[in-house]
Amino acid sequence: MIMQRKNASPKRPKIDGIERQLIRENIILQLLTGEISQGQALRRLRVEALGINQQDYLKLTKVSRQTLSNIENDKGNYSIDTINQVFKPMGLKLGLMPISKELMASFLK
């Protein structure tokens, strides 16, 4: 008996542009406030905002499945160029941010 591999990313219903933008802003805010990691943000943006699986996302980013999986699972130590490559379809790039949550909160007011 051959078992089909189950996708880790469930199919999501299509969302409109406004809802997609709100989801994206919420995830970015959680990333900036340290509630979620960079990898968690990438996975949630891919699944919740774009609604696509890893295979389709790989076509957008031109990175390997292993690289994308490692980044989404917060494994490995990837270059700035690679991180920017995987976040580019989301309109994001790596940058500097305050270490202090209080300082970050003051910027977000």
Protein backbone atom coordinates (compact mmCIF):
# COMPACT_ATOMS: atom_id res chain seq x y z
CA MET A 1 0.00 0.00 0.00
CA ILE A 2 1.44 3.37 -1.06
CA MET A 3 0.87 6.22 1.37
CA GLN A 4 0.49 9.73 0.00
CA ARG A 5 2.50 12.32 1.87
CA LYS A 6 0.24 14.81 3.59
CA ASN A 7 1.06 18.48 3.05
CA ALA A 8 2.07 20.23 6.25
CA SER A 9 0.38 23.39 5.00
CA PRO A 10 -3.38 23.00 4.75
CA LYS A 11 -5.22 24.51 1.79
CA ARG A 12 -6.59 27.89 2.77
CA PRO A 13 -9.57 29.66 1.29
CA LYS A 14 -8.83 32.58 -1.02
CA ILE A 15 -8.66 35.91 0.78
CA ASP A 16 -9.04 39.43 -0.59
CA GLY A 17 -6.33 42.06 -0.68
CA ILE A 18 -7.51 43.94 2.41
CA GLU A 19 -7.65 40.78 4.52
CA ARG A 20 -4.24 39.72 3.21
CA GLN A 21 -2.79 43.11 4.17
CA LEU A 22 -4.26 42.89 7.70
CA ILE A 23 -2.86 39.39 8.18
CA ARG A 24 0.54 40.54 6.95
CA GLU A 25 0.57 43.59 9.24
CA ASN A 26 -0.41 41.48 12.25
CA ILE A 27 2.35 38.94 11.60
CA ILE A 28 4.95 41.69 11.08
CA LEU A 29 3.87 43.38 14.32
CA GLN A 30 4.25 40.07 16.19
CA LEU A 31 7.71 39.66 14.67
CA LEU A 32 8.75 43.20 15.62
CA THR A 33 7.54 42.79 19.19
CA GLY A 34 9.35 39.47 19.58
CA GLU A 35 6.19 37.37 19.95
CA ILE A 36 7.20 35.14 17.04
CA SER A 37 10.52 34.21 15.44
CA GLN A 38 11.69 35.06 11.95
CA GLY A 39 11.01 31.50 10.83
CA GLN A 40 7.52 31.47 12.34
CA ALA A 41 6.80 34.78 10.61
CA LEU A 42 7.95 33.42 7.24
CA ARG A 43 5.82 30.30 7.54
CA ARG A 44 2.74 32.24 8.66
CA LEU A 45 3.16 34.84 5.91
CA ARG A 46 3.49 32.07 3.32
CA VAL A 47 0.52 30.07 4.56
CA GLU A 48 -1.85 32.69 5.98
CA ALA A 49 -1.18 35.71 3.75
CA LEU A 50 -0.31 34.01 0.47
CA GLY A 51 -2.08 30.70 1.03
CA ILE A 52 0.54 28.67 -0.80
CA ASN A 53 2.57 25.56 -0.01
CA GLN A 54 6.35 25.32 0.15
CA GLN A 55 6.61 23.93 -3.38
CA ASP A 56 4.87 26.94 -4.89
CA TYR A 57 6.84 29.34 -2.69
CA LEU A 58 10.11 27.78 -3.84
CA LYS A 59 9.28 28.87 -7.38
CA LEU A 60 9.03 32.48 -6.17
CA THR A 61 12.21 32.48 -4.12
CA LYS A 62 14.57 30.18 -6.05
CA VAL A 63 15.91 28.58 -2.85
CA SER A 64 16.05 24.88 -2.07
CA ARG A 65 13.31 23.11 -0.13
CA GLN A 66 15.86 22.33 2.60
CA THR A 67 16.82 26.01 2.93
CA LEU A 68 13.20 27.15 3.14
CA SER A 69 12.34 24.42 5.63
CA ASN A 70 15.37 25.24 7.80
CA ILE A 71 14.55 28.95 7.85
CA GLU A 72 10.90 28.30 8.69
CA ASN A 73 12.03 26.01 11.54
CA ASP A 74 14.62 28.53 12.79
CA LYS A 75 17.52 26.23 11.96
CA GLY A 76 20.77 27.14 10.30
CA ASN A 77 22.66 30.38 9.93
CA TYR A 78 21.82 31.88 6.55
CA SER A 79 23.31 34.92 4.88
CA ILE A 80 21.51 38.23 4.70
CA ASP A 81 21.12 37.68 0.95
CA THR A 82 19.35 34.34 1.49
CA ILE A 83 17.04 35.75 4.17
CA ASN A 84 16.19 38.69 1.91
CA GLN A 85 15.56 36.28 -0.97
CA VAL A 86 12.96 34.28 1.00
CA PHE A 87 11.21 37.38 2.37
CA LYS A 88 11.22 39.35 -0.90
CA PRO A 89 7.86 37.96 -2.14
CA MET A 90 6.36 39.37 1.08
CA GLY A 91 7.79 42.82 0.39
CA LEU A 92 10.20 42.53 3.33
CA LYS A 93 13.95 42.60 3.87
CA LEU A 94 16.28 42.19 6.80
CA GLY A 95 17.05 45.30 8.82
CA LEU A 96 18.18 46.59 12.18
CA MET A 97 15.75 46.84 15.06
CA PRO A 98 16.04 47.73 18.73
CA ILE A 99 16.90 44.94 21.16
CA SER A 100 14.84 46.51 23.93
CA LYS A 101 11.12 45.69 23.79
CA GLU A 102 10.37 49.01 25.47
CA LEU A 103 12.27 50.95 22.79
CA MET A 104 10.53 48.97 20.06
CA ALA A 105 7.15 49.65 21.68
CA SER A 106 7.90 53.39 21.69
CA PHE A 107 8.56 53.25 17.92
CA LEU A 108 5.33 51.35 17.28
CA LYS A 109 3.07 53.86 19.07
